[in-house]
Amino acid sequence: MSLLCATSAHCIDLSQPQVTAALLGGVLALAATVISVSIAAYLAYRYARKHGDFRHNTEIRVERLRREIDALESLWELLAYMTDRESGCAIVRWRKSQDGNKIYYFNFENLKAFLLTKVSEIFYSRHAGLHIPTDIGSRLFEYHSILMGLYLRYADSPPDPSGPLIVLENPALIERLQVAYRELNAALRARLETRYHLLSVDHA
């Protein structure tokens, strides 16, 4: 006979089936409790870790989106130079002749400011070039290269600043400028719209 004694007066006969079953049930219940607590603790840890990583990744993604949006909005300022609508900084302008045809001009001083100051300021000084997508950057520099040809043509003998409009007599050049502007404008609008949408989703 196997006895389990707490004191000399209190002993349990372990050979009794009901006693053994009771002890085994208690051990199993304790083990189940320990396992349940351990699993719950592990799942809580995994959730906290996963949630923390997700929040960290979201913060990084939001910061990248904001930097790209800032860069694209800075680039938007350059469109004021590139449009052929009347404005103080537009490079290309047009007027109607007496026979109703458009005569295109370009403003040398605005062209010079665009090439030598404004693009460098936005692209480098404001670091927008680090965050502007390649396709948009390539469109900008396509327009930039077209204008550089005009600038080099007149750089050594610039027109009088009091009357800096010069007639553009090359229809192919005018068309290239217009196409480059339209493509950049469309690409910039589309990219900004998607970036704004993604930023709003991350903040939802």
C-alpha atoms as a PDB file:
ATOM      1  CA  MET A   1       0.000   0.000   0.000  1.00  0.00           C
ATOM      2  CA  SER A   2       1.370   3.406  -0.993  1.00  0.00           C
ATOM      3  CA  LEU A   3       0.616   6.313   1.347  1.00  0.00           C
ATOM      4  CA  LEU A   4       1.046  10.036   0.867  1.00  0.00           C
ATOM      5  CA  CYS A   5       1.180  11.764   4.257  1.00  0.00           C
ATOM      6  CA  ALA A   6       1.039  15.438   5.093  1.00  0.00           C
ATOM      7  CA  THR A   7       1.342  14.625   8.804  1.00  0.00           C
ATOM      8  CA  SER A   8       1.372  11.421  10.756  1.00  0.00           C
ATOM      9  CA  ALA A   9      -2.367  11.751  11.236  1.00  0.00           C
ATOM     10  CA  HIS A  10      -3.290  12.706   7.696  1.00  0.00           C
ATOM     11  CA  CYS A  11      -2.336  10.168   5.063  1.00  0.00           C
ATOM     12  CA  ILE A  12      -3.822   9.365   1.639  1.00  0.00           C
ATOM     13  CA  ASP A  13      -3.881   5.867   0.293  1.00  0.00           C
ATOM     14  CA  LEU A  14      -2.551   6.240  -3.264  1.00  0.00           C
ATOM     15  CA  SER A  15      -3.543   2.690  -4.107  1.00  0.00           C
ATOM     16  CA  GLN A  16      -7.199   3.692  -4.155  1.00  0.00           C
ATOM     17  CA  PRO A  17      -8.363   4.274  -7.821  1.00  0.00           C
ATOM     18  CA  GLN A  18     -10.543   7.245  -6.938  1.00  0.00           C
ATOM     19  CA  VAL A  19      -7.604   8.916  -5.163  1.00  0.00           C
ATOM     20  CA  THR A  20      -5.306   8.341  -8.103  1.00  0.00           C
ATOM     21  CA  ALA A  21      -7.882   9.710 -10.518  1.00  0.00           C
ATOM     22  CA  ALA A  22      -8.423  12.788  -8.384  1.00  0.00           C
ATOM     23  CA  LEU A  23      -4.694  13.486  -8.186  1.00  0.00           C
ATOM     24  CA  LEU A  24      -4.233  12.913 -11.909  1.00  0.00           C
ATOM     25  CA  GLY A  25      -7.154  15.214 -12.692  1.00  0.00           C
ATOM     26  CA  GLY A  26      -5.658  17.923 -10.525  1.00  0.00           C
ATOM     27  CA  VAL A  27      -2.268  17.602 -12.222  1.00  0.00           C
ATOM     28  CA  LEU A  28      -3.843  17.724 -15.682  1.00  0.00           C
ATOM     29  CA  ALA A  29      -5.960  20.752 -14.766  1.00  0.00           C
ATOM     30  CA  LEU A  30      -2.880  22.547 -13.469  1.00  0.00           C
ATOM     31  CA  ALA A  31      -0.946  21.647 -16.608  1.00  0.00           C
ATOM     32  CA  ALA A  32      -3.803  22.853 -18.819  1.00  0.00           C
ATOM     33  CA  THR A  33      -3.914  26.139 -16.936  1.00  0.00           C
ATOM     34  CA  VAL A  34      -0.161  26.657 -17.310  1.00  0.00           C
ATOM     35  CA  ILE A  35      -0.307  25.838 -21.028  1.00  0.00           C
ATOM     36  CA  SER A  36      -3.280  28.149 -21.576  1.00  0.00           C
ATOM     37  CA  VAL A  37      -1.569  31.022 -19.787  1.00  0.00           C
ATOM     38  CA  SER A  38       1.641  30.422 -21.748  1.00  0.00           C
ATOM     39  CA  ILE A  39      -0.195  30.364 -25.082  1.00  0.00           C
ATOM     40  CA  ALA A  40      -2.147  33.506 -24.201  1.00  0.00           C
ATOM     41  CA  ALA A  41       1.072  35.274 -23.193  1.00  0.00           C
ATOM     42  CA  TYR A  42       2.793  34.200 -26.412  1.00  0.00           C
ATOM     43  CA  LEU A  43      -0.118  35.342 -28.586  1.00  0.00           C
ATOM     44  CA  ALA A  44      -0.249  38.666 -26.745  1.00  0.00           C
ATOM     45  CA  TYR A  45       3.474  39.114 -27.361  1.00  0.00           C
ATOM     46  CA  ARG A  46       3.136  38.251 -31.040  1.00  0.00           C
ATOM     47  CA  TYR A  47       0.210  40.653 -31.454  1.00  0.00           C
ATOM     48  CA  ALA A  48       2.057  43.471 -29.719  1.00  0.00           C
ATOM     49  CA  ARG A  49       5.183  42.813 -31.802  1.00  0.00           C
ATOM     50  CA  LYS A  50       3.227  42.601 -35.037  1.00  0.00           C
ATOM     51  CA  HIS A  51       1.162  45.677 -34.217  1.00  0.00           C
ATOM     52  CA  GLY A  52       4.296  47.610 -33.299  1.00  0.00           C
ATOM     53  CA  ASP A  53       6.060  46.608 -36.520  1.00  0.00           C
ATOM     54  CA  PHE A  54       2.968  47.503 -38.562  1.00  0.00           C
ATOM     55  CA  ARG A  55       2.734  50.920 -36.934  1.00  0.00           C
ATOM     56  CA  HIS A  56       6.450  51.505 -37.473  1.00  0.00           C
ATOM     57  CA  ASN A  57       6.211  50.508 -41.148  1.00  0.00           C
ATOM     58  CA  THR A  58       3.163  52.724 -41.601  1.00  0.00           C
ATOM     59  CA  GLU A  59       5.005  55.694 -40.136  1.00  0.00           C
ATOM     60  CA  ILE A  60       7.911  55.130 -42.528  1.00  0.00           C
ATOM     61  CA  ARG A  61       5.550  54.812 -45.505  1.00  0.00           C
ATOM     62  CA  VAL A  62       3.672  57.984 -44.512  1.00  0.00           C
ATOM     63  CA  GLU A  63       6.922  59.924 -44.178  1.00  0.00           C
ATOM     64  CA  ARG A  64       8.043  58.788 -47.641  1.00  0.00           C
ATOM     65  CA  LEU A  65       4.683  59.772 -49.116  1.00  0.00           C
ATOM     66  CA  ARG A  66       4.876  63.216 -47.540  1.00  0.00           C
ATOM     67  CA  ARG A  67       8.368  63.794 -48.877  1.00  0.00           C
ATOM     68  CA  GLU A  68       7.335  62.740 -52.364  1.00  0.00           C
ATOM     69  CA  ILE A  69       4.242  64.951 -52.221  1.00  0.00           C
ATOM     70  CA  ASP A  70       6.359  67.916 -51.082  1.00  0.00           C
ATOM     71  CA  ALA A  71       8.734  67.283 -53.995  1.00  0.00           C
ATOM     72  CA  LEU A  72       5.915  67.007 -56.543  1.00  0.00           C
ATOM     73  CA  GLU A  73       4.228  70.153 -55.233  1.00  0.00           C
ATOM     74  CA  SER A  74       7.536  72.006 -55.518  1.00  0.00           C
ATOM     75  CA  LEU A  75       7.862  70.780 -59.078  1.00  0.00           C
ATOM     76  CA  TRP A  76       4.350  72.068 -59.769  1.00  0.00           C
ATOM     77  CA  GLU A  77       5.715  75.601 -59.335  1.00  0.00           C
ATOM     78  CA  LEU A  78       7.767  75.123 -62.504  1.00  0.00           C
ATOM     79  CA  LEU A  79       4.636  74.721 -64.598  1.00  0.00           C
ATOM     80  CA  ALA A  80       4.051  78.462 -64.245  1.00  0.00           C
ATOM     81  CA  TYR A  81       7.178  78.934 -66.385  1.00  0.00           C
ATOM     82  CA  MET A  82       6.218  76.231 -68.859  1.00  0.00           C
ATOM     83  CA  THR A  83       2.629  77.171 -69.677  1.00  0.00           C
ATOM     84  CA  ASP A  84       1.940  79.346 -72.713  1.00  0.00           C
ATOM     85  CA  ARG A  85      -0.819  81.189 -70.879  1.00  0.00           C
ATOM     86  CA  GLU A  86      -0.155  84.799 -70.025  1.00  0.00           C
ATOM     87  CA  SER A  87       1.706  85.137 -66.716  1.00  0.00           C
ATOM     88  CA  GLY A  88       4.605  87.043 -65.269  1.00  0.00           C
ATOM     89  CA  CYS A  89       6.977  84.084 -65.420  1.00  0.00           C
ATOM     90  CA  ALA A  90       5.801  82.208 -68.544  1.00  0.00           C
ATOM     91  CA  ILE A  91       8.650  81.504 -70.946  1.00  0.00           C
ATOM     92  CA  VAL A  92       6.578  80.952 -74.094  1.00  0.00           C
ATOM     93  CA  ARG A  93       3.743  83.296 -75.034  1.00  0.00           C
ATOM     94  CA  TRP A  94       1.606  83.820 -78.078  1.00  0.00           C
ATOM     95  CA  ARG A  95      -0.407  86.512 -79.731  1.00  0.00           C
ATOM     96  CA  LYS A  96      -2.774  86.475 -82.661  1.00  0.00           C
ATOM     97  CA  SER A  97      -1.666  88.118 -85.849  1.00  0.00           C
ATOM     98  CA  GLN A  98      -4.006  90.204 -87.994  1.00  0.00           C
ATOM     99  CA  ASP A  99      -4.849  87.149 -90.082  1.00  0.00           C
ATOM    100  CA  GLY A 100      -5.834  85.200 -86.928  1.00  0.00           C
ATOM    101  CA  ASN A 101      -2.790  82.944 -86.705  1.00  0.00           C
ATOM    102  CA  LYS A 102      -0.835  82.494 -83.499  1.00  0.00           C
ATOM    103  CA  ILE A 103       2.607  84.025 -83.291  1.00  0.00           C
ATOM    104  CA  TYR A 104       4.757  82.484 -80.557  1.00  0.00           C
ATOM    105  CA  TYR A 105       7.426  84.309 -78.586  1.00  0.00           C
ATOM    106  CA  PHE A 106       9.707  83.443 -75.737  1.00  0.00           C
ATOM    107  CA  ASN A 107      10.850  85.607 -72.849  1.00  0.00           C
ATOM    108  CA  PHE A 108      14.618  85.340 -72.544  1.00  0.00           C
ATOM    109  CA  GLU A 109      14.801  86.591 -68.956  1.00  0.00           C
ATOM    110  CA  ASN A 110      12.210  84.078 -67.785  1.00  0.00           C
ATOM    111  CA  LEU A 111      13.962  81.327 -69.740  1.00  0.00           C
ATOM    112  CA  LYS A 112      17.248  82.243 -68.051  1.00  0.00           C
ATOM    113  CA  ALA A 113      15.657  82.279 -64.592  1.00  0.00           C
ATOM    114  CA  PHE A 114      14.064  78.882 -65.220  1.00  0.00           C
ATOM    115  CA  LEU A 115      17.236  77.195 -66.464  1.00  0.00           C
ATOM    116  CA  LEU A 116      19.832  78.751 -64.194  1.00  0.00           C
ATOM    117  CA  THR A 117      17.928  79.382 -60.990  1.00  0.00           C
ATOM    118  CA  LYS A 118      14.481  77.874 -60.494  1.00  0.00           C
ATOM    119  CA  VAL A 119      15.124  74.276 -61.564  1.00  0.00           C
ATOM    120  CA  SER A 120      18.312  74.069 -59.483  1.00  0.00           C
ATOM    121  CA  GLU A 121      16.574  75.614 -56.488  1.00  0.00           C
ATOM    122  CA  ILE A 122      13.734  73.083 -56.518  1.00  0.00           C
ATOM    123  CA  PHE A 123      15.643  70.030 -57.681  1.00  0.00           C
ATOM    124  CA  TYR A 124      18.750  70.439 -55.547  1.00  0.00           C
ATOM    125  CA  SER A 125      18.390  73.091 -52.845  1.00  0.00           C
ATOM    126  CA  ARG A 126      14.963  71.792 -51.779  1.00  0.00           C
ATOM    127  CA  HIS A 127      16.088  68.175 -52.388  1.00  0.00           C
ATOM    128  CA  ALA A 128      13.029  67.498 -54.545  1.00  0.00           C
ATOM    129  CA  GLY A 129      15.195  65.557 -56.975  1.00  0.00           C
ATOM    130  CA  LEU A 130      15.604  62.828 -54.335  1.00  0.00           C
ATOM    131  CA  HIS A 131      11.888  62.085 -54.284  1.00  0.00           C
ATOM    132  CA  ILE A 132      10.621  62.840 -57.806  1.00  0.00           C
ATOM    133  CA  PRO A 133       9.824  59.651 -59.795  1.00  0.00           C
ATOM    134  CA  THR A 134      12.099  58.914 -62.750  1.00  0.00           C
ATOM    135  CA  ASP A 135       9.411  59.293 -65.412  1.00  0.00           C
ATOM    136  CA  ILE A 136       8.455  62.766 -64.181  1.00  0.00           C
ATOM    137  CA  GLY A 137      12.075  63.828 -63.796  1.00  0.00           C
ATOM    138  CA  SER A 138      12.873  62.697 -67.340  1.00  0.00           C
ATOM    139  CA  ARG A 139       9.965  64.740 -68.737  1.00  0.00           C
ATOM    140  CA  LEU A 140      11.154  67.809 -66.884  1.00  0.00           C
ATOM    141  CA  PHE A 141      14.677  67.483 -68.234  1.00  0.00           C
ATOM    142  CA  GLU A 142      13.398  66.857 -71.742  1.00  0.00           C
ATOM    143  CA  TYR A 143      11.732  70.279 -71.572  1.00  0.00           C
ATOM    144  CA  HIS A 144      14.860  71.658 -69.912  1.00  0.00           C
ATOM    145  CA  SER A 145      17.110  70.405 -72.735  1.00  0.00           C
ATOM    146  CA  ILE A 146      14.882  71.981 -75.415  1.00  0.00           C
ATOM    147  CA  LEU A 147      15.090  75.341 -73.681  1.00  0.00           C
ATOM    148  CA  MET A 148      18.823  75.024 -73.183  1.00  0.00           C
ATOM    149  CA  GLY A 149      19.261  75.069 -76.958  1.00  0.00           C
ATOM    150  CA  LEU A 150      17.404  78.395 -77.105  1.00  0.00           C
ATOM    151  CA  TYR A 151      19.401  79.794 -74.226  1.00  0.00           C
ATOM    152  CA  LEU A 152      22.766  78.899 -75.750  1.00  0.00           C
ATOM    153  CA  ARG A 153      21.701  80.479 -79.020  1.00  0.00           C
ATOM    154  CA  TYR A 154      21.115  83.867 -77.390  1.00  0.00           C
ATOM    155  CA  ALA A 155      23.358  83.713 -74.288  1.00  0.00           C
ATOM    156  CA  ASP A 156      26.227  85.642 -75.896  1.00  0.00           C
ATOM    157  CA  SER A 157      23.966  88.392 -77.238  1.00  0.00           C
ATOM    158  CA  PRO A 158      20.842  88.507 -75.041  1.00  0.00           C
ATOM    159  CA  PRO A 159      18.007  90.833 -76.067  1.00  0.00           C
ATOM    160  CA  ASP A 160      17.314  94.119 -74.369  1.00  0.00           C
ATOM    161  CA  PRO A 161      15.723  93.309 -70.965  1.00  0.00           C
ATOM    162  CA  SER A 162      13.190  96.085 -71.522  1.00  0.00           C
ATOM    163  CA  GLY A 163      11.811  94.158 -74.502  1.00  0.00           C
ATOM    164  CA  PRO A 164      12.908  90.544 -74.111  1.00  0.00           C
ATOM    165  CA  LEU A 165      10.307  88.816 -76.278  1.00  0.00           C
ATOM    166  CA  ILE A 166      11.816  86.912 -79.193  1.00  0.00           C
ATOM    167  CA  VAL A 167       9.743  85.400 -81.985  1.00  0.00           C
ATOM    168  CA  LEU A 168       9.798  81.619 -82.210  1.00  0.00           C
ATOM    169  CA  GLU A 169       9.824  80.796 -85.899  1.00  0.00           C
ATOM    170  CA  ASN A 170      10.316  77.028 -85.605  1.00  0.00           C
ATOM    171  CA  PRO A 171       6.924  75.225 -85.535  1.00  0.00           C
ATOM    172  CA  ALA A 172       8.569  71.881 -84.686  1.00  0.00           C
ATOM    173  CA  LEU A 173      10.258  73.422 -81.655  1.00  0.00           C
ATOM    174  CA  ILE A 174       6.986  74.952 -80.480  1.00  0.00           C
ATOM    175  CA  GLU A 175       5.268  71.580 -80.834  1.00  0.00           C
ATOM    176  CA  ARG A 176       7.997  69.806 -78.849  1.00  0.00           C
ATOM    177  CA  LEU A 177       7.666  72.336 -76.021  1.00  0.00           C
ATOM    178  CA  GLN A 178       3.891  71.997 -75.945  1.00  0.00           C
ATOM    179  CA  VAL A 179       3.974  68.191 -75.964  1.00  0.00           C
ATOM    180  CA  ALA A 180       6.625  68.076 -73.229  1.00  0.00           C
ATOM    181  CA  TYR A 181       4.580  70.469 -71.093  1.00  0.00           C
ATOM    182  CA  ARG A 182       1.312  68.546 -71.561  1.00  0.00           C
ATOM    183  CA  GLU A 183       2.932  65.208 -70.747  1.00  0.00           C
ATOM    184  CA  LEU A 184       4.640  66.561 -67.642  1.00  0.00           C
ATOM    185  CA  ASN A 185       1.453  68.292 -66.492  1.00  0.00           C
ATOM    186  CA  ALA A 186      -0.621  65.107 -66.911  1.00  0.00           C
ATOM    187  CA  ALA A 187       1.971  62.855 -65.246  1.00  0.00           C
ATOM    188  CA  LEU A 188       2.385  65.261 -62.343  1.00  0.00           C
ATOM    189  CA  ARG A 189      -1.376  65.535 -61.752  1.00  0.00           C
ATOM    190  CA  ALA A 190      -1.853  61.767 -61.880  1.00  0.00           C
ATOM    191  CA  ARG A 191       1.031  61.084 -59.505  1.00  0.00           C
ATOM    192  CA  LEU A 192      -0.152  63.686 -56.999  1.00  0.00           C
ATOM    193  CA  GLU A 193      -3.676  62.282 -57.022  1.00  0.00           C
ATOM    194  CA  THR A 194      -2.437  58.762 -56.237  1.00  0.00           C
ATOM    195  CA  ARG A 195      -0.076  60.017 -53.520  1.00  0.00           C
ATOM    196  CA  TYR A 196      -2.860  62.067 -51.885  1.00  0.00           C
ATOM    197  CA  HIS A 197      -5.129  59.005 -51.957  1.00  0.00           C
ATOM    198  CA  LEU A 198      -2.499  56.701 -50.424  1.00  0.00           C
ATOM    199  CA  LEU A 199      -1.762  59.235 -47.700  1.00  0.00           C
ATOM    200  CA  SER A 200      -5.458  59.493 -46.821  1.00  0.00           C
ATOM    201  CA  VAL A 201      -5.719  55.671 -46.658  1.00  0.00           C
ATOM    202  CA  ASP A 202      -2.750  55.391 -44.297  1.00  0.00           C
ATOM    203  CA  HIS A 203      -4.326  57.990 -42.018  1.00  0.00           C
ATOM    204  CA  ALA A 204      -7.753  56.311 -42.083  1.00  0.00           C
END
